Amino acid sequence: MLVAKYYNNNDIRLEELPTPKIGPGEILVKVRASGICGTDVMEWYRIQKAPRILGHEIAGEIVESKSDRYQTGQRVFVSHHVPCNTCKYCRDDNHTACDTLHSGNYDPGGYSEFVRVPKINVEYGVYVLPDQVSYVEGTMIEPLACGVRGLGLVDIRADHTVLILGCGISGILNIQLAKLKGARVVATDINEYRLQKAKEFGADEVLNAAQDLNLKADRVLVCTGAYAAVEQAFKCVDKKGIILLFAIPNRDIAIPIPDFWRHELTVTSSYGAAPVDLEAALALIADKTINIKDTITQTLPLTQIQAAFKIVAEAKESLKVVLEVN
């Protein structure tokens, strides 16, 4: 089978590997679409484990099943990370802290023609796609679920002003989710294309992040890895406010301790999604409560993955890039 192996952002090689063999309780999925996550182009993060086959936002068709739960021909989204559902973290509904979730994956990765889905992923991470959800749209279940979880952590209410720093795909999804809560949403970026997209997807106000942001927000969502956004977050968060690090910079952050203490601020982070978040995201997409279709700005074949990575890394006129695997 064809795979795309990551060495660095500018060196992704198309190679051939044997199609995985499945065991009891497992399924083999023919990948039909695979989304490129912003974390995949964070070279400082990914290169530590290179070379490897990345890709964790997939939708495809079951072509072989040794599970009683799923049959060949079913269209599915498959979660790469699943919790054990028995450890202390899972029992406290902190599934994304589960060691099993952080150590498991499907084989080999989403940038390939086929993936073997381990038994635990079959049990806790396979979701049948409704007819109205395309394979390409199905790749957005995991990214949207991350937003569902993140917003759930910071308790956004209708009387809140929410500041979203960064209008890439995560910012756009969070804009839509925050608007569902009834909040007033202000979004920033330095890219005029993305500021226009933020307006289109429901932001009440958009501001160029290069200017001084003279506002106070109850909740601030950092949806860009730019360190300047972290500094802006502390300047713009209101008393008793919460800063959510949805995205992270490539170095430690400095917390202005006097303000942090005196204004009783909260700084938290959000990583990944739990099964309940994935279920919620699938429902939002299936019901078209969230506009997913228009967030996907480019689709390219797997054979053009290097060009696709360049589009994502340059972050110019794009939101979400999805690879189609034929």
Protein backbone atom coordinates (compact mmCIF):
# COMPACT_ATOMS: atom_id res chain seq x y z
CA MET A 1 0.00 0.00 0.00
CA LEU A 2 1.03 3.61 -0.50
CA VAL A 3 2.05 5.65 2.55
CA ALA A 4 3.47 9.12 3.09
CA LYS A 5 6.33 9.09 5.58
CA TYR A 6 7.24 12.30 7.40
CA TYR A 7 10.93 13.18 7.85
CA ASN A 8 10.44 16.94 8.22
CA ASN A 9 8.05 19.54 6.86
CA ASN A 10 9.92 19.71 3.56
CA ASP A 11 10.68 16.02 3.25
CA ILE A 12 7.61 13.78 3.07
CA ARG A 13 8.27 10.66 1.04
CA LEU A 14 5.79 8.42 -0.74
CA GLU A 15 6.73 4.84 0.06
CA GLU A 16 5.27 1.34 -0.20
CA LEU A 17 4.47 -0.82 2.82
CA PRO A 18 2.62 -4.13 3.16
CA THR A 19 -1.08 -3.76 3.94
CA PRO A 20 -1.52 -4.46 7.68
CA LYS A 21 -2.92 -7.81 8.80
CA ILE A 22 -5.72 -7.65 11.34
CA GLY A 23 -6.29 -9.84 14.38
CA PRO A 24 -9.29 -10.81 16.51
CA GLY A 25 -11.58 -7.88 17.29
CA GLU A 26 -9.82 -5.62 14.77
CA ILE A 27 -10.90 -4.00 11.52
CA LEU A 28 -9.08 -2.88 8.39
CA VAL A 29 -10.15 0.50 7.06
CA LYS A 30 -9.56 1.79 3.57
CA VAL A 31 -8.75 5.46 4.15
CA ARG A 32 -10.83 7.70 1.91
CA ALA A 33 -9.94 11.09 3.41
CA SER A 34 -7.34 12.29 5.88
CA GLY A 35 -7.14 15.79 7.33
CA ILE A 36 -3.91 17.65 7.96
CA CYS A 37 -3.79 18.92 11.53
CA GLY A 38 -1.98 22.11 12.45
CA THR A 39 0.11 20.06 14.88
CA ASP A 40 1.39 17.97 11.97
CA VAL A 41 3.26 20.99 10.62
CA MET A 42 4.65 21.98 14.05
CA GLU A 43 8.08 20.72 13.04
CA TRP A 44 9.68 21.30 16.44
CA TYR A 45 7.06 18.93 17.87
CA ARG A 46 6.82 16.28 15.15
CA ILE A 47 10.47 15.91 14.20
CA GLN A 48 11.29 14.40 17.58
CA LYS A 49 9.73 11.10 16.46
CA ALA A 50 10.55 11.27 12.74
CA PRO A 51 10.52 9.38 10.47
CA ARG A 52 6.94 8.32 10.96
CA ILE A 53 3.59 8.14 9.21
CA LEU A 54 1.43 10.92 10.56
CA GLY A 55 -2.28 11.53 10.12
CA HIS A 56 -4.93 11.20 12.81
CA GLU A 57 -8.08 12.66 11.24
CA ILE A 58 -9.41 9.91 9.00
CA ALA A 59 -12.63 8.68 7.49
CA GLY A 60 -12.93 5.59 5.38
CA GLU A 61 -14.59 2.29 4.59
CA ILE A 62 -14.27 -0.98 6.48
CA VAL A 63 -12.88 -3.53 4.02
CA GLU A 64 -12.22 -6.36 6.51
CA SER A 65 -13.66 -7.00 9.96
CA LYS A 66 -12.92 -9.49 12.71
CA SER A 67 -15.22 -7.65 15.09
CA ASP A 68 -18.82 -8.55 15.86
CA ARG A 69 -19.65 -4.84 16.10
CA TYR A 70 -18.78 -3.69 12.58
CA GLN A 71 -19.18 -5.06 9.07
CA THR A 72 -17.40 -4.57 5.78
CA GLY A 73 -18.77 -1.73 3.72
CA GLN A 74 -19.57 0.55 6.65
CA ARG A 75 -18.42 4.16 6.35
CA VAL A 76 -16.63 5.22 9.51
CA PHE A 77 -14.61 7.83 11.32
CA VAL A 78 -11.90 6.26 13.49
CA SER A 79 -10.37 7.95 16.54
CA HIS A 80 -6.63 7.41 16.84
CA HIS A 81 -6.55 7.97 20.62
CA VAL A 82 -8.95 6.15 22.94
CA PRO A 83 -9.08 5.97 26.75
CA CYS A 84 -9.13 2.81 28.84
CA ASN A 85 -12.31 3.91 30.68
CA THR A 86 -11.12 2.24 33.90
CA CYS A 87 -8.23 4.30 35.32
CA LYS A 88 -8.64 7.07 37.90
CA TYR A 89 -8.55 9.75 35.20
CA CYS A 90 -11.31 8.11 33.21
CA ARG A 91 -13.40 7.55 36.34
CA ASP A 92 -13.16 11.30 37.01
CA ASP A 93 -14.19 12.11 33.40
CA ASN A 94 -10.63 13.25 32.61
CA HIS A 95 -10.28 10.82 29.71
CA THR A 96 -7.70 12.88 27.86
CA ALA A 97 -5.28 12.43 30.78
CA CYS A 98 -5.52 8.63 30.45
CA ASP A 99 -2.17 6.92 29.80
CA THR A 100 -3.83 4.54 27.34
CA LEU A 101 -5.17 7.45 25.32
CA HIS A 102 -1.68 8.91 25.05
CA SER A 103 0.03 5.66 24.11
CA GLY A 104 -2.35 4.07 21.58
CA ASN A 105 -2.86 4.69 17.88
CA TYR A 106 -3.95 2.98 14.72
CA ASP A 107 -1.47 1.27 12.42
CA PRO A 108 0.36 2.83 10.72
CA GLY A 109 -1.10 6.36 10.43
CA GLY A 110 -3.72 8.28 8.51
CA TYR A 111 -1.48 9.25 5.61
CA SER A 112 -1.76 5.78 4.12
CA GLU A 113 -4.13 3.74 1.99
CA PHE A 114 -5.16 1.38 4.79
CA VAL A 115 -5.07 1.37 8.58
CA ARG A 116 -5.37 -1.50 11.03
CA VAL A 117 -7.63 -0.47 13.90
CA PRO A 118 -6.62 -2.20 17.18
CA LYS A 119 -9.30 -3.90 19.25
CA ILE A 120 -9.44 -1.16 21.91
CA ASN A 121 -9.92 1.49 19.21
CA VAL A 122 -12.66 -0.64 17.66
CA GLU A 123 -14.38 -0.82 21.04
CA TYR A 124 -14.09 2.86 21.98
CA GLY A 125 -13.21 4.87 18.87
CA VAL A 126 -15.19 3.88 15.77
CA TYR A 127 -18.17 5.97 14.67
CA VAL A 128 -20.40 5.08 11.72
CA LEU A 129 -20.91 8.07 9.42
CA PRO A 130 -24.50 9.03 8.62
CA ASP A 131 -25.31 9.13 4.91
CA GLN A 132 -25.36 12.94 4.90
CA VAL A 133 -21.76 13.19 6.17
CA SER A 134 -19.14 12.81 3.45
CA TYR A 135 -15.74 11.24 4.01
CA VAL A 136 -14.10 14.66 3.74
CA GLU A 137 -16.49 16.13 6.31
CA GLY A 138 -15.91 13.08 8.51
CA THR A 139 -12.26 14.03 8.92
CA MET A 140 -13.43 17.10 10.84
CA ILE A 141 -15.02 15.13 13.68
CA GLU A 142 -11.80 15.02 15.71
CA PRO A 143 -10.84 18.70 15.24
CA LEU A 144 -14.35 19.82 16.16
CA ALA A 145 -14.41 17.46 19.15
CA CYS A 146 -11.24 19.13 20.46
CA GLY A 147 -13.12 22.43 20.38
CA VAL A 148 -16.14 20.90 22.09
CA ARG A 149 -13.92 19.71 24.92
CA GLY A 150 -11.98 22.97 25.19
CA LEU A 151 -15.08 25.14 25.44
CA GLY A 152 -16.56 22.76 27.97
CA LEU A 153 -13.57 23.36 30.22
CA VAL A 154 -14.02 27.14 30.38
CA ASP A 155 -17.78 27.42 30.94
CA ILE A 156 -18.72 29.96 28.27
CA ARG A 157 -22.05 31.68 28.92
CA ALA A 158 -24.36 33.95 26.96
CA ASP A 159 -23.28 37.08 28.86
CA HIS A 160 -19.59 36.51 28.12
CA THR A 161 -17.27 38.25 25.72
CA VAL A 162 -15.01 35.63 24.19
CA LEU A 163 -11.75 36.67 22.55
CA ILE A 164 -10.34 34.18 20.07
CA LEU A 165 -6.72 34.77 19.13
CA GLY A 166 -5.98 33.15 15.78
CA CYS A 167 -8.47 32.45 12.98
CA GLY A 168 -7.06 29.29 11.47
CA ILE A 169 -9.25 26.21 11.49
CA SER A 170 -9.26 25.84 15.28
CA GLY A 171 -10.18 29.49 15.70
CA ILE A 172 -12.98 29.22 13.14
CA LEU A 173 -14.42 26.14 14.81
CA ASN A 174 -14.23 27.78 18.22
CA ILE A 175 -15.95 30.90 16.90
CA GLN A 176 -18.89 28.78 15.80
CA LEU A 177 -18.99 26.83 19.06
CA ALA A 178 -18.83 29.99 21.18
CA LYS A 179 -21.66 31.54 19.18
CA LEU A 180 -23.77 28.46 19.92
CA LYS A 181 -23.34 29.37 23.60
CA GLY A 182 -24.74 32.83 22.86
CA ALA A 183 -21.49 34.67 23.64
CA ARG A 184 -20.21 37.82 21.97
CA VAL A 185 -17.15 36.77 19.99
CA VAL A 186 -14.18 38.94 19.05
CA ALA A 187 -11.58 37.30 16.80
CA THR A 188 -8.07 38.37 15.85
CA ASP A 189 -5.44 37.41 13.33
CA ILE A 190 -2.74 39.11 11.26
CA ASN A 191 -4.02 37.51 8.03
CA GLU A 192 -6.78 39.50 6.30
CA TYR A 193 -8.11 36.40 4.53
CA ARG A 194 -8.65 34.67 7.86
CA LEU A 195 -10.19 37.77 9.42
CA GLN A 196 -12.72 37.80 6.60
CA LYS A 197 -13.41 34.11 7.19
CA ALA A 198 -13.93 34.83 10.89
CA LYS A 199 -16.66 37.32 9.93
CA GLU A 200 -18.25 34.81 7.59
CA PHE A 201 -18.36 32.18 10.31
CA GLY A 202 -20.04 34.41 12.84
CA ALA A 203 -17.54 36.55 14.76
CA ASP A 204 -19.22 39.72 16.04
CA GLU A 205 -16.03 41.74 15.64
CA VAL A 206 -12.65 41.08 14.04
CA LEU A 207 -9.42 42.90 14.81
CA ASN A 208 -5.96 42.78 13.32
CA ALA A 209 -3.72 41.28 15.99
CA ALA A 210 -0.89 43.62 15.01
CA GLN A 211 -2.73 46.53 16.60
CA ASP A 212 -3.25 47.23 20.29
CA LEU A 213 -6.28 45.32 21.50
CA ASN A 214 -8.13 47.66 23.79
CA LEU A 215 -10.69 45.28 25.27
CA LYS A 216 -11.34 42.97 28.18
CA ALA A 217 -12.77 39.49 27.66
CA ASP A 218 -14.24 36.99 30.09
CA ARG A 219 -12.70 34.11 28.19
CA VAL A 220 -9.64 34.18 25.95
CA LEU A 221 -8.91 31.26 23.64
CA VAL A 222 -5.38 31.09 22.26
CA CYS A 223 -5.77 29.32 18.91
CA THR A 224 -2.37 30.11 17.45
CA GLY A 225 1.14 29.04 18.35
CA ALA A 226 2.46 32.61 18.12
CA TYR A 227 3.97 33.62 21.46
CA ALA A 228 2.71 37.19 20.97
CA ALA A 229 -0.83 35.81 21.26
CA VAL A 230 -0.09 34.51 24.75
CA GLU A 231 1.11 37.96 25.78
CA GLN A 232 -2.04 39.50 24.29
CA ALA A 233 -4.17 37.01 26.18
CA PHE A 234 -2.89 38.26 29.54
CA LYS A 235 -3.39 41.88 28.49
CA CYS A 236 -6.97 41.29 27.39
CA VAL A 237 -8.37 38.87 29.97
CA ASP A 238 -10.76 40.46 32.42
CA LYS A 239 -10.72 40.01 36.19
CA LYS A 240 -11.72 36.46 37.17
CA GLY A 241 -11.28 35.54 33.51
CA ILE A 242 -9.99 32.32 32.00
CA ILE A 243 -7.28 31.89 29.38
CA LEU A 244 -7.46 28.63 27.44
CA LEU A 245 -4.30 27.49 25.68
CA PHE A 246 -5.97 25.64 22.84
CA ALA A 247 -2.75 25.96 20.83
CA ILE A 248 0.73 26.25 22.31
CA PRO A 249 3.91 28.17 21.48
CA ASN A 250 7.21 26.35 21.12
CA ARG A 251 8.58 27.67 24.41
CA ASP A 252 7.54 28.16 28.01
CA ILE A 253 5.20 31.04 28.72
CA ALA A 254 5.70 33.84 31.23
CA ILE A 255 2.79 34.53 33.59
CA PRO A 256 2.48 38.12 34.91
CA ILE A 257 2.23 37.02 38.52
CA PRO A 258 0.90 40.26 40.12
CA ASP A 259 -2.07 40.37 37.70
CA PHE A 260 -2.53 36.62 37.90
CA TRP A 261 -2.82 36.81 41.70
CA ARG A 262 -4.59 40.13 42.15
CA HIS A 263 -7.20 39.51 39.45
CA GLU A 264 -7.67 35.82 40.27
CA LEU A 265 -7.03 34.68 36.73
CA THR A 266 -7.14 31.11 35.52
CA VAL A 267 -4.85 29.67 32.86
CA THR A 268 -5.68 26.22 31.56
CA SER A 269 -5.04 24.03 28.53
CA SER A 270 -6.94 21.57 26.42
CA TYR A 271 -5.52 18.50 24.71
CA GLY A 272 -7.42 16.16 22.44
CA ALA A 273 -10.94 14.89 22.85
CA ALA A 274 -12.81 12.21 24.77
CA PRO A 275 -15.42 9.83 23.27
CA VAL A 276 -18.27 12.00 24.55
CA ASP A 277 -16.76 14.98 22.68
CA LEU A 278 -16.44 12.97 19.47
CA GLU A 279 -20.07 11.90 19.71
CA ALA A 280 -21.14 15.51 20.22
CA ALA A 281 -19.01 16.69 17.28
CA LEU A 282 -20.46 14.05 14.96
CA ALA A 283 -23.97 15.14 15.92
CA LEU A 284 -23.16 18.82 15.28
CA ILE A 285 -21.79 17.96 11.83
CA ALA A 286 -24.60 15.56 10.92
CA ASP A 287 -27.27 18.10 11.94
CA LYS A 288 -25.36 20.90 10.17
CA THR A 289 -25.47 22.91 13.39
CA ILE A 290 -21.83 23.72 12.67
CA ASN A 291 -20.83 24.72 9.14
CA ILE A 292 -18.08 22.22 8.41
CA LYS A 293 -18.27 22.00 4.65
CA ASP A 294 -17.10 25.58 4.06
CA THR A 295 -14.17 25.29 6.48
CA ILE A 296 -12.51 22.79 4.12
CA THR A 297 -10.77 25.08 1.69
CA GLN A 298 -8.53 22.65 -0.19
CA THR A 299 -8.62 18.94 -1.04
CA LEU A 300 -5.62 17.26 -2.63
CA PRO A 301 -4.72 13.63 -3.38
CA LEU A 302 -2.37 11.80 -1.02
CA THR A 303 0.27 11.86 -3.76
CA GLN A 304 0.40 15.66 -3.38
CA ILE A 305 0.94 15.63 0.37
CA GLN A 306 4.11 17.70 0.15
CA ALA A 307 2.22 20.51 -1.58
CA ALA A 308 -0.59 20.15 0.96
CA PHE A 309 1.84 20.50 3.86
CA LYS A 310 3.22 23.66 2.30
CA ILE A 311 -0.26 25.18 2.12
CA VAL A 312 -0.90 24.39 5.79
CA ALA A 313 2.51 25.57 6.97
CA GLU A 314 2.36 28.85 5.05
CA ALA A 315 -1.12 29.56 6.48
CA LYS A 316 -2.11 32.08 3.81
CA GLU A 317 -5.43 31.60 2.03
CA SER A 318 -6.51 28.34 3.59
CA LEU A 319 -8.34 27.01 6.61
CA LYS A 320 -8.47 23.21 6.37
CA VAL A 321 -6.62 20.99 3.91
CA VAL A 322 -7.83 17.42 3.47
CA LEU A 323 -6.10 14.64 1.56
CA GLU A 324 -8.28 12.32 -0.49
CA VAL A 325 -7.01 8.76 -0.79
CA ASN A 326 -8.18 6.82 -3.85
